[in-house]
Amino acid sequence: MKLRYFISFFALIALLSSCSDEETMTLLDELKVSSSYVGIDVNGGSNNIILNANGAWTFDQDEIPEWLTVSPMSGGAGEYGITFTAPAAPDGRTAVLHVECDGKQQTINVIQGLAVVSEATCAEVNAGPESKTYRVTGTVDRIINTTYGNWYLRDETGEVYIYGTLDAKGQTKNFLSLGLEVGDIVTVEGPKTVYNGTVELVDVTVVKIQKSLVKVEGYDPEDATIPVEGGNVTVNLSCKTNNGISVEIPDEAKDWLGIVSVSGGAEPTVTFHANANPGGDRSANVVFKTTDDKGQEYTASATINQKGAIVAATVAEFLEAPVGDTQYRLNGIVVGLYRENQGFYLRDYTGETLIYRPEGFTGTEVKVGDVVTVVGKRGAYKDSPQMVSGMIEEINYTAKAISIAEFRNLPDDKEAYYLISGEIVTATEEGSKNDIEQYGNFNLKDETGEVYIYGVYTGWGGQKGHFGELGLTWGDQITIIAYKTTYKGLVEGVGYYISHEKAE
């Protein structure tokens, strides 16, 4: 394996700036930083910058590599010291981060040590150590994101996921300017990381492009998706050789996807068929191959999708499911918002999960205490499960926050839920009883009064009798959603757990 060493312009600037005592606030009126380059010693350590913001700000968590810790990650208006920390690096590595405030973004370049580029195959990248910088040549197998430039590179030894591609000027979010297409033969270089078990080359530089002689021109239907009840997809290609094309379906898809027909010529077509799908969403990456007169192989690929049934699941079942394209439907209570407008936490009787950036979510669609149905895929961020690519299918109940005095004066209605909070105290009214070890029978007290709680479910969809599992006792503060009812003159609330605070 050959090695070559280089010092990038950005790395040099970072190293110089890390040795300087001067701080120059830079770039945006909404968001100023003392330096947009952060240098960290190759043996590990920390470095700091000063950030001044006019409003709420946050780093894009998806851009933070596993080897780098940034603290704090978000905040409000004011001045903050931001610390960047990394352990020792084997050769050197870089990260390009973005912090956002009021719709504007500031770029922060983090450089640790000097990069060593190793020429390697995909298999050698996959087997090699993290944080090394590799140069690898292969075919653009499939493109996932055309803004950041996320795609798969394949050679005869395997494939590597490219997470972020720099343009000709070394900038991010300009992938389309490179003109890369599926089937092109390219040489790239960039640092390796591993995210949720997936090997990635991050923010690669494209060194060389050789255009493919076979290309996917379109699909019928346009989204290349077969309905759940089964059907066909036709892939339209162009081929600049006289040697025809061959088609490869991956082994794991051969039990559900087959070829109906293949036509030849300069504009070949391939039609695929799938029967009815009894499971969740599924997809297959099919490969088209041709050769020139010298035997050089060229490829193109296409992803054929098929819709599947949506799997109804508890939160626990969702958390145990693998990351993938299967759609899940969850019902639960909103128990917290995530970074104001980036999602929310959903809880049922089996557990809790993050619903990350559901479609159209701005932070005002739901509030704590609402009972909602969501649909989406099982994803993860740094081993933390979350629902991604989802949507709020239905808001089943909305829960207005009110005082206990207001709750007592409500009409009885088992379909109307309200958010109430207070201290767990002894019930003394006639007909009441106290049981916090099993059912959750007690009085709830706030500054306006008390009300008898006739049982608390540990989460939406559960059964009474499990309150003791929450570990609460007298004097603890609890927040629930509850409906109001009356039994033999005793005003009662029947509730569902949201959160609590232990008594001091």
Protein backbone atom coordinates (compact mmCIF):
# COMPACT_ATOMS: atom_id res chain seq x y z
CA MET A 1 0.00 0.00 0.00
CA LYS A 2 1.46 3.37 -1.03
CA LEU A 3 1.38 6.43 1.25
CA ARG A 4 1.66 10.07 0.46
CA TYR A 5 1.68 13.05 2.81
CA PHE A 6 0.08 16.44 2.37
CA ILE A 7 -0.70 19.58 4.36
CA SER A 8 -3.88 21.31 3.20
CA PHE A 9 -4.21 25.08 3.17
CA PHE A 10 -7.01 24.83 5.75
CA ALA A 11 -4.90 22.63 8.03
CA LEU A 12 -2.02 25.11 7.89
CA ILE A 13 -4.33 28.00 8.73
CA ALA A 14 -5.81 26.00 11.60
CA LEU A 15 -2.42 25.18 13.04
CA LEU A 16 -1.33 28.79 12.83
CA SER A 17 -4.55 30.07 14.36
CA SER A 18 -4.34 27.58 17.23
CA CYS A 19 -0.95 29.02 18.19
CA SER A 20 -2.12 32.63 18.08
CA ASP A 21 -3.34 34.61 21.05
CA GLU A 22 -5.31 36.92 18.78
CA GLU A 23 -9.05 36.40 18.47
CA THR A 24 -10.90 37.97 15.56
CA MET A 25 -14.69 37.62 15.53
CA THR A 26 -15.69 36.55 12.05
CA LEU A 27 -18.41 36.49 9.40
CA LEU A 28 -22.07 36.91 10.38
CA ASP A 29 -23.99 39.64 12.22
CA GLU A 30 -26.30 37.03 13.73
CA LEU A 31 -23.46 34.72 14.75
CA LYS A 32 -19.81 35.60 15.35
CA VAL A 33 -16.98 33.22 16.26
CA SER A 34 -13.47 34.03 17.41
CA SER A 35 -12.05 31.61 14.83
CA SER A 36 -13.58 29.48 12.08
CA TYR A 37 -10.60 27.08 12.27
CA VAL A 38 -9.92 24.86 15.28
CA GLY A 39 -6.67 22.95 15.62
CA ILE A 40 -6.36 19.96 18.01
CA ASP A 41 -3.09 18.21 18.86
CA VAL A 42 -2.65 14.86 17.09
CA ASN A 43 -1.99 13.27 20.51
CA GLY A 44 -5.43 14.34 21.71
CA GLY A 45 -6.72 17.32 23.63
CA SER A 46 -9.09 20.29 23.45
CA ASN A 47 -9.30 23.73 21.92
CA ASN A 48 -11.78 26.55 22.41
CA ILE A 49 -13.43 29.36 20.50
CA ILE A 50 -15.80 32.12 21.60
CA LEU A 51 -19.25 32.28 20.01
CA ASN A 52 -21.55 35.31 20.17
CA ALA A 53 -25.14 34.88 18.98
CA ASN A 54 -28.10 37.23 18.61
CA GLY A 55 -30.59 34.39 19.13
CA ALA A 56 -30.99 30.64 19.53
CA TRP A 57 -28.17 28.69 17.85
CA THR A 58 -27.29 25.04 17.34
CA PHE A 59 -24.69 22.82 15.70
CA ASP A 60 -25.90 20.33 13.10
CA GLN A 61 -25.60 17.10 15.09
CA ASP A 62 -25.42 14.99 11.92
CA GLU A 63 -22.06 16.57 11.07
CA ILE A 64 -20.31 15.82 14.38
CA PRO A 65 -18.04 12.78 13.80
CA GLU A 66 -17.80 10.14 16.53
CA TRP A 67 -14.22 11.10 17.35
CA LEU A 68 -15.11 14.73 18.13
CA THR A 69 -16.96 16.15 21.15
CA VAL A 70 -18.43 19.66 20.93
CA SER A 71 -19.73 21.36 24.09
CA PRO A 72 -22.14 23.03 24.29
CA MET A 73 -24.03 22.02 21.14
CA SER A 74 -26.70 24.73 21.34
CA GLY A 75 -27.76 27.80 23.27
CA GLY A 76 -29.57 31.12 23.23
CA ALA A 77 -28.54 34.72 22.70
CA GLY A 78 -25.25 35.70 24.34
CA GLU A 79 -21.57 34.74 24.53
CA TYR A 80 -20.44 31.13 24.86
CA GLY A 81 -17.15 29.30 25.10
CA ILE A 82 -17.26 26.32 22.74
CA THR A 83 -14.88 23.42 23.49
CA PHE A 84 -13.77 20.91 20.85
CA THR A 85 -12.22 17.71 22.24
CA ALA A 86 -10.73 14.67 20.49
CA PRO A 87 -8.66 11.64 21.55
CA ALA A 88 -5.33 10.82 19.90
CA ALA A 89 -5.49 10.31 16.12
CA PRO A 90 -3.46 7.68 14.24
CA ASP A 91 -2.52 10.06 11.39
CA GLY A 92 -4.64 13.20 11.43
CA ARG A 93 -8.23 14.05 10.50
CA THR A 94 -10.61 16.88 9.73
CA ALA A 95 -14.27 17.76 10.18
CA VAL A 96 -16.37 20.53 8.63
CA LEU A 97 -19.14 21.66 11.02
CA HIS A 98 -21.94 24.19 10.70
CA VAL A 99 -23.62 26.18 13.46
CA GLU A 100 -26.95 27.89 12.65
CA CYS A 101 -28.63 30.99 14.05
CA ASP A 102 -31.71 32.72 12.61
CA GLY A 103 -31.43 30.80 9.35
CA LYS A 104 -27.76 31.73 8.82
CA GLN A 105 -24.88 29.23 9.01
CA GLN A 106 -21.29 29.65 10.19
CA THR A 107 -18.71 27.06 9.08
CA ILE A 108 -16.20 25.69 11.60
CA ASN A 109 -13.24 23.68 10.26
CA VAL A 110 -11.71 21.27 12.80
CA ILE A 111 -8.26 19.87 12.00
CA GLN A 112 -6.33 17.39 14.14
CA GLY A 113 -2.77 16.71 13.07
CA LEU A 114 -1.61 16.27 9.46
CA ALA A 115 -3.44 13.88 7.15
CA VAL A 116 -1.66 10.82 5.71
CA VAL A 117 -3.30 9.53 2.54
CA SER A 118 -3.23 5.75 1.97
CA GLU A 119 -4.03 4.37 -1.49
CA ALA A 120 -6.40 1.47 -0.87
CA THR A 121 -9.17 -0.75 -2.16
CA CYS A 122 -12.67 -0.66 -0.67
CA ALA A 123 -11.88 -3.83 1.28
CA GLU A 124 -8.72 -2.25 2.71
CA VAL A 125 -10.67 0.85 3.74
CA ASN A 126 -13.30 -1.28 5.48
CA ALA A 127 -10.63 -3.28 7.33
CA GLY A 128 -8.35 -0.33 8.12
CA PRO A 129 -8.26 1.86 11.23
CA GLU A 130 -10.58 4.80 11.78
CA SER A 131 -9.45 8.39 11.20
CA LYS A 132 -6.90 7.46 8.51
CA THR A 133 -7.25 9.29 5.19
CA TYR A 134 -7.60 7.01 2.16
CA ARG A 135 -7.46 7.38 -1.63
CA VAL A 136 -9.66 4.82 -3.38
CA THR A 137 -10.85 4.31 -6.96
CA GLY A 138 -14.17 2.72 -7.88
CA THR A 139 -17.55 3.12 -9.52
CA VAL A 140 -20.35 5.39 -8.34
CA ASP A 141 -22.80 2.67 -7.33
CA ARG A 142 -25.77 4.68 -6.07
CA ILE A 143 -26.33 8.28 -4.99
CA ILE A 144 -28.27 8.90 -1.76
CA ASN A 145 -28.14 12.70 -1.30
CA THR A 146 -27.40 15.27 -4.01
CA THR A 147 -26.90 18.25 -1.67
CA TYR A 148 -24.16 16.97 0.62
CA GLY A 149 -22.97 14.29 -1.81
CA ASN A 150 -23.72 11.03 0.00
CA TRP A 151 -23.19 7.98 -2.22
CA TYR A 152 -21.67 4.51 -2.48
CA LEU A 153 -18.37 3.74 -4.22
CA ARG A 154 -17.78 0.15 -5.35
CA ASP A 155 -14.76 -1.74 -6.67
CA GLU A 156 -14.05 -5.44 -7.19
CA THR A 157 -13.41 -5.88 -3.43
CA GLY A 158 -16.59 -4.32 -2.01
CA GLU A 159 -18.15 -0.92 -1.38
CA VAL A 160 -17.64 2.13 0.84
CA TYR A 161 -20.19 4.78 1.82
CA ILE A 162 -19.16 8.35 0.97
CA TYR A 163 -20.67 10.77 3.50
CA GLY A 164 -20.19 14.25 2.08
CA THR A 165 -18.35 15.31 -1.09
CA LEU A 166 -16.46 18.58 -1.49
CA ASP A 167 -16.77 20.57 -4.73
CA ALA A 168 -13.85 21.78 -6.86
CA LYS A 169 -13.27 24.69 -4.43
CA GLY A 170 -13.36 22.48 -1.34
CA GLN A 171 -16.85 23.60 -0.31
CA THR A 172 -19.75 21.50 1.00
CA LYS A 173 -23.38 21.27 -0.19
CA ASN A 174 -22.48 21.70 -3.87
CA PHE A 175 -22.35 18.09 -5.04
CA LEU A 176 -24.28 18.64 -8.28
CA SER A 177 -21.53 20.95 -9.58
CA LEU A 178 -19.26 17.89 -9.97
CA GLY A 179 -21.58 16.24 -12.50
CA LEU A 180 -21.07 12.81 -10.92
CA GLU A 181 -23.49 10.11 -12.11
CA VAL A 182 -24.10 6.49 -11.23
CA GLY A 183 -21.62 4.37 -13.19
CA ASP A 184 -18.82 6.95 -13.34
CA ILE A 185 -15.38 5.68 -12.35
CA VAL A 186 -13.91 8.05 -9.76
CA THR A 187 -10.93 8.47 -7.47
CA VAL A 188 -11.61 10.12 -4.12
CA GLU A 189 -9.72 10.73 -0.91
CA GLY A 190 -10.97 11.44 2.58
CA PRO A 191 -10.84 10.35 6.26
CA LYS A 192 -12.51 7.16 7.47
CA THR A 193 -15.01 7.01 10.30
CA VAL A 194 -17.49 4.37 11.49
CA TYR A 195 -21.07 5.40 12.29
CA ASN A 196 -23.54 2.83 13.66
CA GLY A 197 -21.35 0.09 12.22
CA THR A 198 -21.19 1.68 8.74
CA VAL A 199 -17.75 2.55 7.37
CA GLU A 200 -17.71 6.05 5.87
CA LEU A 201 -15.27 8.29 4.05
CA VAL A 202 -16.25 11.80 5.13
CA ASP A 203 -16.17 15.02 3.06
CA VAL A 204 -14.08 13.47 0.32
CA THR A 205 -12.17 15.30 -2.38
CA VAL A 206 -12.77 14.05 -5.93
CA VAL A 207 -9.39 13.55 -7.61
CA LYS A 208 -10.45 12.06 -10.98
CA ILE A 209 -13.67 11.28 -12.90
CA GLN A 210 -14.04 8.85 -15.83
CA LYS A 211 -17.55 9.00 -17.29
CA SER A 212 -19.47 5.74 -17.71
CA LEU A 213 -20.53 4.34 -21.11
CA VAL A 214 -23.81 3.03 -19.67
CA LYS A 215 -26.28 5.32 -17.91
CA VAL A 216 -29.75 5.19 -16.35
CA GLU A 217 -31.93 7.72 -18.17
CA GLY A 218 -35.24 7.27 -16.35
CA TYR A 219 -37.93 5.01 -14.95
CA ASP A 220 -41.53 4.03 -15.55
CA PRO A 221 -43.08 4.84 -13.13
CA GLU A 222 -40.84 7.85 -12.45
CA ASP A 223 -40.18 7.00 -8.79
CA ALA A 224 -39.12 3.41 -9.63
CA THR A 225 -41.55 2.15 -7.00
CA ILE A 226 -43.77 -0.93 -7.24
CA PRO A 227 -47.02 -0.75 -5.23
CA VAL A 228 -47.64 -3.04 -2.27
CA GLU A 229 -49.99 -5.22 -4.34
CA GLY A 230 -47.22 -5.92 -6.90
CA GLY A 231 -46.39 -4.73 -10.42
CA ASN A 232 -43.59 -3.68 -12.79
CA VAL A 233 -40.87 -1.05 -13.07
CA THR A 234 -39.05 -0.35 -16.34
CA VAL A 235 -35.55 1.15 -16.33
CA ASN A 236 -34.56 3.16 -19.44
CA LEU A 237 -30.81 3.21 -20.22
CA SER A 238 -28.33 4.55 -22.75
CA CYS A 239 -25.32 2.47 -23.84
CA LYS A 240 -22.35 3.80 -25.85
CA THR A 241 -20.86 0.40 -26.72
CA ASN A 242 -21.84 -2.37 -29.11
CA ASN A 243 -21.43 -5.12 -26.51
CA GLY A 244 -24.91 -5.01 -24.94
CA ILE A 245 -25.70 -5.01 -21.24
CA SER A 246 -26.03 -7.57 -18.48
CA VAL A 247 -28.21 -7.21 -15.37
CA GLU A 248 -27.43 -8.26 -11.80
CA ILE A 249 -30.01 -8.51 -9.00
CA PRO A 250 -28.52 -8.83 -5.50
CA ASP A 251 -28.93 -12.27 -3.93
CA GLU A 252 -30.99 -10.94 -1.02
CA ALA A 253 -33.62 -9.55 -3.45
CA LYS A 254 -33.95 -12.51 -5.81
CA ASP A 255 -36.80 -14.00 -3.81
CA TRP A 256 -39.05 -11.00 -4.53
CA LEU A 257 -37.66 -9.20 -7.61
CA GLY A 258 -37.35 -10.70 -11.11
CA ILE A 259 -36.67 -9.62 -14.72
CA VAL A 260 -39.57 -9.59 -17.19
CA SER A 261 -37.73 -8.40 -20.32
CA VAL A 262 -34.48 -6.88 -21.62
CA SER A 263 -34.14 -4.98 -24.90
CA GLY A 264 -30.83 -4.14 -26.64
CA GLY A 265 -29.41 -1.33 -28.78
CA ALA A 266 -28.21 2.15 -27.88
CA GLU A 267 -31.27 2.75 -25.69
CA PRO A 268 -31.91 -0.55 -23.89
CA THR A 269 -34.73 -1.08 -21.39
CA VAL A 270 -35.06 -3.57 -18.55
CA THR A 271 -38.42 -4.38 -16.93
CA PHE A 272 -38.58 -5.81 -13.40
CA HIS A 273 -41.53 -7.43 -11.61
CA ALA A 274 -42.45 -8.00 -7.96
CA ASN A 275 -45.42 -9.83 -6.48
CA ALA A 276 -47.54 -8.52 -3.59
CA ASN A 277 -45.48 -7.49 -0.56
CA PRO A 278 -46.75 -8.85 2.79
CA GLY A 279 -44.04 -7.12 4.84
CA GLY A 280 -42.58 -3.63 5.18
CA ASP A 281 -41.01 -1.39 2.54
CA ARG A 282 -38.17 -3.02 0.62
CA SER A 283 -35.68 -2.04 -2.06
CA ALA A 284 -32.93 -3.54 -4.21
CA ASN A 285 -29.96 -1.99 -5.95
CA VAL A 286 -29.67 -3.60 -9.40
CA VAL A 287 -26.54 -3.23 -11.55
CA PHE A 288 -26.24 -2.88 -15.34
CA LYS A 289 -22.88 -3.72 -16.94
CA THR A 290 -21.23 -3.27 -20.32
CA THR A 291 -17.63 -3.36 -21.66
CA ASP A 292 -15.76 -1.40 -24.30
CA ASP A 293 -13.66 -3.00 -27.05
CA LYS A 294 -10.65 -3.16 -24.73
CA GLY A 295 -12.55 -5.08 -22.07
CA GLN A 296 -12.90 -2.15 -19.65
CA GLU A 297 -16.06 -2.70 -17.62
CA TYR A 298 -18.57 0.10 -17.04
CA THR A 299 -21.59 -0.05 -14.76
CA ALA A 300 -24.71 1.81 -13.82
CA SER A 301 -27.15 1.01 -11.04
CA ALA A 302 -30.74 1.67 -10.10
CA THR A 303 -32.69 1.27 -6.88
CA ILE A 304 -36.00 -0.53 -7.33
CA ASN A 305 -38.42 0.05 -4.45
CA GLN A 306 -41.61 -1.64 -3.36
CA LYS A 307 -44.08 -0.25 -0.88
CA GLY A 308 -44.95 -2.46 2.05
CA ALA A 309 -47.53 -2.73 4.76
CA ILE A 310 -47.03 -0.39 7.70
CA VAL A 311 -46.13 -2.38 10.80
CA ALA A 312 -48.08 -1.43 13.93
CA ALA A 313 -45.69 -1.61 16.87
CA THR A 314 -45.15 -0.63 20.47
CA VAL A 315 -42.25 1.67 21.23
CA ALA A 316 -40.32 -1.28 22.68
CA GLU A 317 -40.82 -3.31 19.49
CA PHE A 318 -39.74 -0.29 17.44
CA LEU A 319 -36.58 0.14 19.51
CA GLU A 320 -35.70 -3.53 19.04
CA ALA A 321 -36.22 -3.38 15.26
CA PRO A 322 -33.18 -3.01 12.95
CA VAL A 323 -32.38 0.25 11.19
CA GLY A 324 -33.98 0.03 7.74
CA ASP A 325 -36.75 1.06 5.35
CA THR A 326 -39.66 -0.70 7.07
CA GLN A 327 -42.43 1.73 8.07
CA TYR A 328 -43.72 1.56 11.65
CA ARG A 329 -46.86 3.06 13.21
CA LEU A 330 -46.59 4.14 16.86
CA ASN A 331 -49.22 5.53 19.23
CA GLY A 332 -48.21 7.43 22.32
CA ILE A 333 -48.08 10.62 24.35
CA VAL A 334 -45.80 13.54 23.55
CA VAL A 335 -43.69 13.82 26.71
CA GLY A 336 -41.13 16.39 25.58
CA LEU A 337 -39.96 18.50 22.64
CA TYR A 338 -36.51 18.05 21.08
CA ARG A 339 -34.61 21.29 20.45
CA GLU A 340 -37.83 23.25 20.05
CA ASN A 341 -38.47 22.54 16.37
CA GLN A 342 -36.53 19.38 15.53
CA GLY A 343 -38.87 16.74 16.89
CA PHE A 344 -40.39 15.33 20.05
CA TYR A 345 -40.27 12.38 22.43
CA LEU A 346 -43.10 9.84 22.25
CA ARG A 347 -43.97 7.50 25.13
CA ASP A 348 -46.26 4.50 25.39
CA TYR A 349 -46.50 1.89 28.14
CA THR A 350 -43.42 0.05 26.85
CA GLY A 351 -40.92 2.88 26.51
CA GLU A 352 -39.94 6.16 24.91
CA THR A 353 -38.31 7.19 21.62
CA LEU A 354 -37.33 10.33 19.73
CA ILE A 355 -39.40 11.29 16.68
CA TYR A 356 -36.74 13.20 14.73
CA ARG A 357 -37.80 15.92 12.30
CA PRO A 358 -41.14 14.50 11.15
CA GLU A 359 -42.39 15.83 7.83
CA GLY A 360 -43.56 19.45 8.05
CA PHE A 361 -42.78 19.73 11.77
CA THR A 362 -42.07 23.26 12.99
CA GLY A 363 -42.49 22.75 16.74
CA THR A 364 -46.07 24.06 16.98
CA GLU A 365 -48.02 21.08 15.64
CA VAL A 366 -48.02 19.19 18.95
CA LYS A 367 -47.34 19.96 22.59
CA VAL A 368 -46.51 17.96 25.68
CA GLY A 369 -49.51 15.86 26.65
CA ASP A 370 -50.94 15.35 23.18
CA VAL A 371 -51.72 11.77 22.14
CA VAL A 372 -50.51 11.19 18.57
CA THR A 373 -50.01 8.52 15.93
CA VAL A 374 -46.78 8.67 13.94
CA VAL A 375 -45.45 6.68 11.00
CA GLY A 376 -41.78 6.42 10.02
CA LYS A 377 -38.62 4.36 9.73
CA ARG A 378 -36.31 3.04 12.44
CA GLY A 379 -33.14 5.10 12.40
CA ALA A 380 -30.34 5.88 14.84
CA TYR A 381 -27.82 8.57 15.70
CA LYS A 382 -24.63 7.43 17.41
CA ASP A 383 -26.39 4.26 18.58
CA SER A 384 -29.40 6.23 19.90
CA PRO A 385 -32.61 4.90 18.31
CA GLN A 386 -35.03 7.37 16.73
CA MET A 387 -37.82 7.51 14.19
CA VAL A 388 -36.72 9.15 10.93
CA SER A 389 -38.37 10.06 7.61
CA GLY A 390 -41.64 10.10 9.52
CA MET A 391 -44.88 12.02 9.72
CA ILE A 392 -47.60 12.80 12.26
CA GLU A 393 -50.46 10.70 10.95
CA GLU A 394 -53.05 11.81 13.49
CA ILE A 395 -53.42 13.88 16.65
CA ASN A 396 -55.82 11.70 18.61
CA TYR A 397 -56.23 13.91 21.67
CA THR A 398 -54.96 17.33 22.67
CA ALA A 399 -54.29 17.97 26.35
CA LYS A 400 -54.62 21.54 27.60
CA ALA A 401 -52.56 22.41 30.68
CA ILE A 402 -54.84 23.53 33.53
CA SER A 403 -54.80 23.86 37.32
CA ILE A 404 -56.35 21.28 39.62
CA ALA A 405 -59.09 23.73 40.60
CA GLU A 406 -59.99 24.10 36.92
CA PHE A 407 -59.86 20.32 36.48
CA ARG A 408 -62.32 19.76 39.37
CA ASN A 409 -64.88 22.05 37.71
CA LEU A 410 -64.82 20.29 34.34
CA PRO A 411 -67.78 18.24 33.12
CA ASP A 412 -67.25 14.48 33.21
CA ASP A 413 -65.83 13.34 29.87
CA LYS A 414 -63.70 10.26 29.28
CA GLU A 415 -62.66 11.53 25.83
CA ALA A 416 -61.23 14.88 27.01
CA TYR A 417 -57.68 14.90 28.37
CA TYR A 418 -55.96 17.65 30.35
CA LEU A 419 -52.38 18.16 31.47
CA ILE A 420 -52.14 18.49 35.26
CA SER A 421 -49.18 18.51 37.64
CA GLY A 422 -48.71 18.42 41.36
CA GLU A 423 -47.45 16.66 44.46
CA ILE A 424 -48.40 13.08 45.34
CA VAL A 425 -50.18 13.34 48.72
CA THR A 426 -52.44 11.17 50.86
CA ALA A 427 -56.08 10.90 49.75
CA THR A 428 -58.57 11.59 52.57
CA GLU A 429 -61.95 12.06 50.86
CA GLU A 430 -64.70 9.54 51.44
CA GLY A 431 -64.54 6.71 48.91
CA SER A 432 -60.85 7.27 48.11
CA LYS A 433 -57.97 4.95 48.87
CA ASN A 434 -54.19 5.17 48.78
CA ASP A 435 -52.10 2.83 46.67
CA ILE A 436 -48.87 3.98 45.06
CA GLU A 437 -47.23 0.57 45.02
CA GLN A 438 -49.47 -0.86 42.30
CA TYR A 439 -52.34 1.19 40.89
CA GLY A 440 -51.37 4.80 41.52
CA ASN A 441 -54.28 5.92 43.74
CA PHE A 442 -53.53 9.18 45.60
CA ASN A 443 -54.39 12.86 45.76
CA LEU A 444 -52.67 15.28 43.38
CA LYS A 445 -52.03 18.68 44.94
CA ASP A 446 -51.05 22.03 43.46
CA GLU A 447 -51.41 25.61 44.75
CA THR A 448 -55.10 25.68 43.73
CA GLY A 449 -56.30 22.50 45.39
CA GLU A 450 -56.33 18.72 45.35
CA VAL A 451 -58.03 16.02 43.29
CA TYR A 452 -58.23 12.26 43.71
CA ILE A 453 -56.36 10.27 41.05
CA TYR A 454 -58.01 6.92 40.53
CA GLY A 455 -55.10 5.08 38.89
CA VAL A 456 -52.22 6.09 36.63
CA TYR A 457 -51.17 4.14 33.54
CA THR A 458 -47.40 4.04 32.95
CA GLY A 459 -47.95 4.95 29.30
CA TRP A 460 -50.46 5.06 26.48
CA GLY A 461 -51.96 1.67 25.63
CA GLY A 462 -51.02 0.04 28.91
CA GLN A 463 -53.01 -1.42 31.77
CA LYS A 464 -53.55 -0.31 35.33
CA GLY A 465 -51.60 -2.03 38.06
CA HIS A 466 -48.03 -1.12 37.06
CA PHE A 467 -47.65 2.31 38.67
CA GLY A 468 -45.15 0.97 41.19
CA GLU A 469 -42.69 0.33 38.35
CA LEU A 470 -42.18 4.10 38.09
CA GLY A 471 -40.62 4.15 41.57
CA LEU A 472 -42.62 7.15 42.85
CA THR A 473 -43.50 7.86 46.46
CA TRP A 474 -45.25 10.43 48.65
CA GLY A 475 -44.05 13.98 48.08
CA ASP A 476 -42.81 13.41 44.54
CA GLN A 477 -44.00 15.75 41.80
CA ILE A 478 -45.78 14.12 38.87
CA THR A 479 -47.20 15.34 35.55
CA ILE A 480 -49.98 13.35 33.89
CA ILE A 481 -52.73 13.72 31.34
CA ALA A 482 -56.09 12.76 32.78
CA TYR A 483 -59.79 12.76 32.06
CA LYS A 484 -62.28 13.85 34.71
CA THR A 485 -65.07 11.67 36.09
CA THR A 486 -67.22 11.49 39.25
CA TYR A 487 -68.15 8.40 41.24
CA LYS A 488 -70.66 8.65 44.09
CA GLY A 489 -69.82 12.31 44.54
CA LEU A 490 -66.04 11.79 44.53
CA VAL A 491 -64.31 13.85 41.83
CA GLU A 492 -61.69 11.67 40.15
CA GLY A 493 -59.00 11.90 37.51
CA VAL A 494 -57.77 8.85 35.61
CA GLY A 495 -54.31 9.54 34.27
CA TYR A 496 -51.41 8.59 32.02
CA TYR A 497 -47.85 9.21 33.14
CA ILE A 498 -45.77 11.94 31.45
CA SER A 499 -42.89 12.80 33.81
CA HIS A 500 -41.92 13.29 37.44
CA GLU A 501 -39.46 14.93 39.84
CA LYS A 502 -38.33 13.21 43.01
CA ALA A 503 -38.87 15.03 46.28
CA GLU A 504 -35.74 16.55 47.79
